[in-house]
Amino acid sequence: MYNLGSLIIYDNNGRIWYNSGDMAGSVNPTHTIPVGLPYIITEYGELDGLIVESVDPVTKLLITQSIL
């Protein structure tokens, strides 16, 4: 049993193209990392209560909004 954080793939403008979401249970313990594409892998539960709106392409920080 594993807990796996989100894999977020984004473009050079910070637009998110893929967000796997957190996974738990009988899952592969690692993500398949994209080659040649910018990405971020979060910790499991790190995005609880948040919506990921975009990524700052310079700082590579997630831009989020609370859903609470």
PDB file of N, CA and C in Angstrom:
ATOM      1  N   MET A   1       0.835  -1.174   0.000  1.00  0.00           N
ATOM      2  CA  MET A   1       0.000   0.000   0.000  1.00  0.00           C
ATOM      3  C   MET A   1       0.886   1.247   0.000  1.00  0.00           C
ATOM      4  N   TYR A   2       0.554   2.178  -0.864  1.00  0.00           N
ATOM      5  CA  TYR A   2       1.340   3.397  -0.995  1.00  0.00           C
ATOM      6  C   TYR A   2       0.436   4.623  -0.985  1.00  0.00           C
ATOM      7  N   ASN A   3       0.999   5.743  -0.586  1.00  0.00           N
ATOM      8  CA  ASN A   3       0.387   7.056  -0.741  1.00  0.00           C
ATOM      9  C   ASN A   3       1.290   7.826  -1.683  1.00  0.00           C
ATOM     10  N   LEU A   4       0.729   8.328  -2.767  1.00  0.00           N
ATOM     11  CA  LEU A   4       1.515   8.992  -3.800  1.00  0.00           C
ATOM     12  C   LEU A   4       0.923  10.371  -4.054  1.00  0.00           C
ATOM     13  N   GLY A   5       1.767  11.404  -4.012  1.00  0.00           N
ATOM     14  CA  GLY A   5       1.329  12.769  -4.294  1.00  0.00           C
ATOM     15  C   GLY A   5       1.017  12.974  -5.764  1.00  0.00           C
ATOM     16  N   SER A   6       0.630  14.180  -6.119  1.00  0.00           N
ATOM     17  CA  SER A   6       0.236  14.519  -7.487  1.00  0.00           C
ATOM     18  C   SER A   6       1.442  14.726  -8.393  1.00  0.00           C
ATOM     19  N   LEU A   7       1.291  14.320  -9.645  1.00  0.00           N
ATOM     20  CA  LEU A   7       2.229  14.672 -10.711  1.00  0.00           C
ATOM     21  C   LEU A   7       1.536  15.760 -11.513  1.00  0.00           C
ATOM     22  N   ILE A   8       2.152  16.943 -11.583  1.00  0.00           N
ATOM     23  CA  ILE A   8       1.575  18.083 -12.296  1.00  0.00           C
ATOM     24  C   ILE A   8       2.512  18.441 -13.441  1.00  0.00           C
ATOM     25  N   ILE A   9       1.998  18.354 -14.670  1.00  0.00           N
ATOM     26  CA  ILE A   9       2.772  18.701 -15.859  1.00  0.00           C
ATOM     27  C   ILE A   9       2.226  20.022 -16.390  1.00  0.00           C
ATOM     28  N   TYR A  10       3.130  20.957 -16.680  1.00  0.00           N
ATOM     29  CA  TYR A  10       2.718  22.293 -17.107  1.00  0.00           C
ATOM     30  C   TYR A  10       3.588  22.774 -18.265  1.00  0.00           C
ATOM     31  N   ASP A  11       3.135  23.831 -18.951  1.00  0.00           N
ATOM     32  CA  ASP A  11       3.911  24.358 -20.068  1.00  0.00           C
ATOM     33  C   ASP A  11       4.752  25.564 -19.631  1.00  0.00           C
ATOM     34  N   ASN A  12       5.468  26.164 -20.565  1.00  0.00           N
ATOM     35  CA  ASN A  12       6.367  27.277 -20.256  1.00  0.00           C
ATOM     36  C   ASN A  12       5.636  28.542 -19.824  1.00  0.00           C
ATOM     37  N   ASN A  13       4.328  28.588 -20.012  1.00  0.00           N
ATOM     38  CA  ASN A  13       3.534  29.720 -19.550  1.00  0.00           C
ATOM     39  C   ASN A  13       2.913  29.467 -18.180  1.00  0.00           C
ATOM     40  N   GLY A  14       3.111  28.266 -17.631  1.00  0.00           N
ATOM     41  CA  GLY A  14       2.556  27.916 -16.327  1.00  0.00           C
ATOM     42  C   GLY A  14       1.188  27.271 -16.393  1.00  0.00           C
ATOM     43  N   ARG A  15       0.671  27.061 -17.616  1.00  0.00           N
ATOM     44  CA  ARG A  15      -0.641  26.415 -17.755  1.00  0.00           C
ATOM     45  C   ARG A  15      -0.509  24.920 -17.450  1.00  0.00           C
ATOM     46  N   ILE A  16      -1.399  24.415 -16.637  1.00  0.00           N
ATOM     47  CA  ILE A  16      -1.368  23.000 -16.268  1.00  0.00           C
ATOM     48  C   ILE A  16      -2.050  22.169 -17.345  1.00  0.00           C
ATOM     49  N   TRP A  17      -1.360  21.129 -17.786  1.00  0.00           N
ATOM     50  CA  TRP A  17      -1.900  20.225 -18.804  1.00  0.00           C
ATOM     51  C   TRP A  17      -2.325  18.893 -18.208  1.00  0.00           C
ATOM     52  N   TYR A  18      -1.763  18.546 -17.057  1.00  0.00           N
ATOM     53  CA  TYR A  18      -2.111  17.265 -16.435  1.00  0.00           C
ATOM     54  C   TYR A  18      -1.863  17.366 -14.941  1.00  0.00           C
ATOM     55  N   ASN A  19      -2.809  16.888 -14.162  1.00  0.00           N
ATOM     56  CA  ASN A  19      -2.670  16.789 -12.719  1.00  0.00           C
ATOM     57  C   ASN A  19      -3.232  15.432 -12.321  1.00  0.00           C
ATOM     58  N   SER A  20      -2.375  14.514 -11.916  1.00  0.00           N
ATOM     59  CA  SER A  20      -2.805  13.148 -11.604  1.00  0.00           C
ATOM     60  C   SER A  20      -3.658  13.073 -10.353  1.00  0.00           C
ATOM     61  N   GLY A  21      -3.507  14.047  -9.447  1.00  0.00           N
ATOM     62  CA  GLY A  21      -4.175  13.959  -8.154  1.00  0.00           C
ATOM     63  C   GLY A  21      -3.459  12.953  -7.263  1.00  0.00           C
ATOM     64  N   ASP A  22      -3.727  13.011  -5.978  1.00  0.00           N
ATOM     65  CA  ASP A  22      -3.140  12.053  -5.041  1.00  0.00           C
ATOM     66  C   ASP A  22      -3.715  10.667  -5.280  1.00  0.00           C
ATOM     67  N   MET A  23      -2.913   9.657  -5.012  1.00  0.00           N
ATOM     68  CA  MET A  23      -3.352   8.269  -5.138  1.00  0.00           C
ATOM     69  C   MET A  23      -2.952   7.512  -3.873  1.00  0.00           C
ATOM     70  N   ALA A  24      -3.781   6.565  -3.483  1.00  0.00           N
ATOM     71  CA  ALA A  24      -3.488   5.754  -2.306  1.00  0.00           C
ATOM     72  C   ALA A  24      -3.932   4.326  -2.562  1.00  0.00           C
ATOM     73  N   GLY A  25      -3.236   3.400  -1.934  1.00  0.00           N
ATOM     74  CA  GLY A  25      -3.620   2.006  -2.053  1.00  0.00           C
ATOM     75  C   GLY A  25      -2.628   1.216  -2.881  1.00  0.00           C
ATOM     76  N   SER A  26      -3.138   0.335  -3.696  1.00  0.00           N
ATOM     77  CA  SER A  26      -2.300  -0.534  -4.527  1.00  0.00           C
ATOM     78  C   SER A  26      -1.930   0.195  -5.818  1.00  0.00           C
ATOM     79  N   VAL A  27      -1.028   1.151  -5.699  1.00  0.00           N
ATOM     80  CA  VAL A  27      -0.576   1.927  -6.851  1.00  0.00           C
ATOM     81  C   VAL A  27       0.931   1.768  -6.995  1.00  0.00           C
ATOM     82  N   ASN A  28       1.435   2.050  -8.198  1.00  0.00           N
ATOM     83  CA  ASN A  28       2.874   2.055  -8.423  1.00  0.00           C
ATOM     84  C   ASN A  28       3.487   3.089  -7.477  1.00  0.00           C
ATOM     85  N   PRO A  29       4.558   2.767  -6.768  1.00  0.00           N
ATOM     86  CA  PRO A  29       5.097   3.677  -5.764  1.00  0.00           C
ATOM     87  C   PRO A  29       5.774   4.927  -6.323  1.00  0.00           C
ATOM     88  N   THR A  30       5.941   5.027  -7.637  1.00  0.00           N
ATOM     89  CA  THR A  30       6.538   6.215  -8.241  1.00  0.00           C
ATOM     90  C   THR A  30       5.790   6.583  -9.517  1.00  0.00           C
ATOM     91  N   HIS A  31       5.901   7.848  -9.896  1.00  0.00           N
ATOM     92  CA  HIS A  31       5.325   8.310 -11.152  1.00  0.00           C
ATOM     93  C   HIS A  31       6.276   8.002 -12.299  1.00  0.00           C
ATOM     94  N   THR A  32       5.742   7.882 -13.505  1.00  0.00           N
ATOM     95  CA  THR A  32       6.572   7.846 -14.700  1.00  0.00           C
ATOM     96  C   THR A  32       6.856   9.296 -15.051  1.00  0.00           C
ATOM     97  N   ILE A  33       8.100   9.694 -14.942  1.00  0.00           N
ATOM     98  CA  ILE A  33       8.494  11.089 -15.107  1.00  0.00           C
ATOM     99  C   ILE A  33       8.564  11.439 -16.591  1.00  0.00           C
ATOM    100  N   PRO A  34       7.937  12.568 -17.010  1.00  0.00           N
ATOM    101  CA  PRO A  34       7.985  12.971 -18.403  1.00  0.00           C
ATOM    102  C   PRO A  34       9.380  13.472 -18.781  1.00  0.00           C
ATOM    103  N   VAL A  35       9.812  13.158 -19.982  1.00  0.00           N
ATOM    104  CA  VAL A  35      11.107  13.618 -20.478  1.00  0.00           C
ATOM    105  C   VAL A  35      10.867  14.854 -21.348  1.00  0.00           C
ATOM    106  N   GLY A  36      11.527  15.944 -21.033  1.00  0.00           N
ATOM    107  CA  GLY A  36      11.422  17.150 -21.835  1.00  0.00           C
ATOM    108  C   GLY A  36      10.247  18.041 -21.500  1.00  0.00           C
ATOM    109  N   LEU A  37       9.494  17.711 -20.469  1.00  0.00           N
ATOM    110  CA  LEU A  37       8.351  18.520 -20.057  1.00  0.00           C
ATOM    111  C   LEU A  37       8.549  18.970 -18.609  1.00  0.00           C
ATOM    112  N   PRO A  38       8.232  20.223 -18.298  1.00  0.00           N
ATOM    113  CA  PRO A  38       8.356  20.658 -16.906  1.00  0.00           C
ATOM    114  C   PRO A  38       7.270  20.008 -16.045  1.00  0.00           C
ATOM    115  N   TYR A  39       7.639  19.624 -14.831  1.00  0.00           N
ATOM    116  CA  TYR A  39       6.689  18.959 -13.942  1.00  0.00           C
ATOM    117  C   TYR A  39       7.029  19.244 -12.492  1.00  0.00           C
ATOM    118  N   ILE A  40       6.060  19.005 -11.643  1.00  0.00           N
ATOM    119  CA  ILE A  40       6.212  19.090 -10.188  1.00  0.00           C
ATOM    120  C   ILE A  40       5.553  17.851  -9.603  1.00  0.00           C
ATOM    121  N   ILE A  41       6.181  17.263  -8.606  1.00  0.00           N
ATOM    122  CA  ILE A  41       5.567  16.171  -7.854  1.00  0.00           C
ATOM    123  C   ILE A  41       5.359  16.673  -6.423  1.00  0.00           C
ATOM    124  N   THR A  42       4.130  16.608  -5.951  1.00  0.00           N
ATOM    125  CA  THR A  42       3.811  17.073  -4.606  1.00  0.00           C
ATOM    126  C   THR A  42       3.849  15.911  -3.623  1.00  0.00           C
ATOM    127  N   GLU A  43       3.861  16.238  -2.365  1.00  0.00           N
ATOM    128  CA  GLU A  43       3.733  15.236  -1.313  1.00  0.00           C
ATOM    129  C   GLU A  43       2.264  14.849  -1.192  1.00  0.00           C
ATOM    130  N   TYR A  44       2.013  13.621  -0.801  1.00  0.00           N
ATOM    131  CA  TYR A  44       0.645  13.164  -0.585  1.00  0.00           C
ATOM    132  C   TYR A  44      -0.025  14.067   0.453  1.00  0.00           C
ATOM    133  N   GLY A  45      -1.207  14.573   0.130  1.00  0.00           N
ATOM    134  CA  GLY A  45      -1.968  15.418   1.046  1.00  0.00           C
ATOM    135  C   GLY A  45      -1.591  16.891   1.018  1.00  0.00           C
ATOM    136  N   GLU A  46      -0.537  17.243   0.315  1.00  0.00           N
ATOM    137  CA  GLU A  46      -0.073  18.634   0.276  1.00  0.00           C
ATOM    138  C   GLU A  46      -1.122  19.578  -0.319  1.00  0.00           C
ATOM    139  N   LEU A  47      -1.943  19.069  -1.220  1.00  0.00           N
ATOM    140  CA  LEU A  47      -2.918  19.916  -1.906  1.00  0.00           C
ATOM    141  C   LEU A  47      -4.334  19.766  -1.348  1.00  0.00           C
ATOM    142  N   ASP A  48      -4.476  19.116  -0.199  1.00  0.00           N
ATOM    143  CA  ASP A  48      -5.800  18.974   0.413  1.00  0.00           C
ATOM    144  C   ASP A  48      -6.415  20.342   0.645  1.00  0.00           C
ATOM    145  N   GLY A  49      -7.640  20.534   0.187  1.00  0.00           N
ATOM    146  CA  GLY A  49      -8.343  21.788   0.371  1.00  0.00           C
ATOM    147  C   GLY A  49      -7.917  22.891  -0.584  1.00  0.00           C
ATOM    148  N   LEU A  50      -7.106  22.537  -1.599  1.00  0.00           N
ATOM    149  CA  LEU A  50      -6.610  23.533  -2.549  1.00  0.00           C
ATOM    150  C   LEU A  50      -6.940  23.142  -3.985  1.00  0.00           C
ATOM    151  N   ILE A  51      -7.120  24.138  -4.827  1.00  0.00           N
ATOM    152  CA  ILE A  51      -7.218  23.946  -6.274  1.00  0.00           C
ATOM    153  C   ILE A  51      -5.942  24.515  -6.867  1.00  0.00           C
ATOM    154  N   VAL A  52      -5.272  23.751  -7.714  1.00  0.00           N
ATOM    155  CA  VAL A  52      -4.074  24.244  -8.384  1.00  0.00           C
ATOM    156  C   VAL A  52      -4.524  24.980  -9.637  1.00  0.00           C
ATOM    157  N   GLU A  53      -4.279  26.291  -9.670  1.00  0.00           N
ATOM    158  CA  GLU A  53      -4.706  27.101 -10.799  1.00  0.00           C
ATOM    159  C   GLU A  53      -3.667  27.155 -11.906  1.00  0.00           C
ATOM    160  N   SER A  54      -2.391  27.254 -11.517  1.00  0.00           N
ATOM    161  CA  SER A  54      -1.307  27.325 -12.496  1.00  0.00           C
ATOM    162  C   SER A  54       0.016  27.149 -11.767  1.00  0.00           C
ATOM    163  N   VAL A  55       1.095  27.297 -12.520  1.00  0.00           N
ATOM    164  CA  VAL A  55       2.439  27.220 -11.963  1.00  0.00           C
ATOM    165  C   VAL A  55       3.178  28.486 -12.386  1.00  0.00           C
ATOM    166  N   ASP A  56       3.900  29.100 -11.471  1.00  0.00           N
ATOM    167  CA  ASP A  56       4.748  30.223 -11.849  1.00  0.00           C
ATOM    168  C   ASP A  56       5.955  29.624 -12.569  1.00  0.00           C
ATOM    169  N   PRO A  57       6.094  29.868 -13.882  1.00  0.00           N
ATOM    170  CA  PRO A  57       7.162  29.213 -14.636  1.00  0.00           C
ATOM    171  C   PRO A  57       8.571  29.661 -14.242  1.00  0.00           C
ATOM    172  N   VAL A  58       8.688  30.824 -13.606  1.00  0.00           N
ATOM    173  CA  VAL A  58      10.006  31.310 -13.186  1.00  0.00           C
ATOM    174  C   VAL A  58      10.431  30.662 -11.875  1.00  0.00           C
ATOM    175  N   THR A  59       9.536  30.706 -10.868  1.00  0.00           N
ATOM    176  CA  THR A  59       9.875  30.173  -9.543  1.00  0.00           C
ATOM    177  C   THR A  59       9.542  28.691  -9.398  1.00  0.00           C
ATOM    178  N   LYS A  60       8.717  28.188 -10.332  1.00  0.00           N
ATOM    179  CA  LYS A  60       8.243  26.799 -10.309  1.00  0.00           C
ATOM    180  C   LYS A  60       7.406  26.499  -9.058  1.00  0.00           C
ATOM    181  N   LEU A  61       6.732  27.519  -8.548  1.00  0.00           N
ATOM    182  CA  LEU A  61       5.829  27.355  -7.416  1.00  0.00           C
ATOM    183  C   LEU A  61       4.402  27.223  -7.906  1.00  0.00           C
ATOM    184  N   LEU A  62       3.623  26.395  -7.214  1.00  0.00           N
ATOM    185  CA  LEU A  62       2.214  26.223  -7.559  1.00  0.00           C
ATOM    186  C   LEU A  62       1.422  27.453  -7.134  1.00  0.00           C
ATOM    187  N   ILE A  63       0.508  27.885  -7.979  1.00  0.00           N
ATOM    188  CA  ILE A  63      -0.413  28.946  -7.640  1.00  0.00           C
ATOM    189  C   ILE A  63      -1.728  28.257  -7.322  1.00  0.00           C
ATOM    190  N   THR A  64      -2.145  28.371  -6.067  1.00  0.00           N
ATOM    191  CA  THR A  64      -3.313  27.629  -5.592  1.00  0.00           C
ATOM    192  C   THR A  64      -4.371  28.575  -5.044  1.00  0.00           C
ATOM    193  N   GLN A  65      -5.556  28.011  -4.884  1.00  0.00           N
ATOM    194  CA  GLN A  65      -6.673  28.733  -4.263  1.00  0.00           C
ATOM    195  C   GLN A  65      -7.337  27.772  -3.287  1.00  0.00           C
ATOM    196  N   SER A  66      -7.687  28.274  -2.130  1.00  0.00           N
ATOM    197  CA  SER A  66      -8.369  27.461  -1.123  1.00  0.00           C
ATOM    198  C   SER A  66      -9.803  27.187  -1.544  1.00  0.00           C
ATOM    199  N   ILE A  67     -10.265  25.953  -1.308  1.00  0.00           N
ATOM    200  CA  ILE A  67     -11.660  25.631  -1.600  1.00  0.00           C
ATOM    201  C   ILE A  67     -12.485  25.578  -0.323  1.00  0.00           C
ATOM    202  N   LEU A  68     -11.898  25.936   0.779  1.00  0.00           N
ATOM    203  CA  LEU A  68     -12.591  25.918   2.077  1.00  0.00           C
ATOM    204  C   LEU A  68     -13.332  27.202   2.317  1.00  0.00           C
TER     205      LEU A  68
END
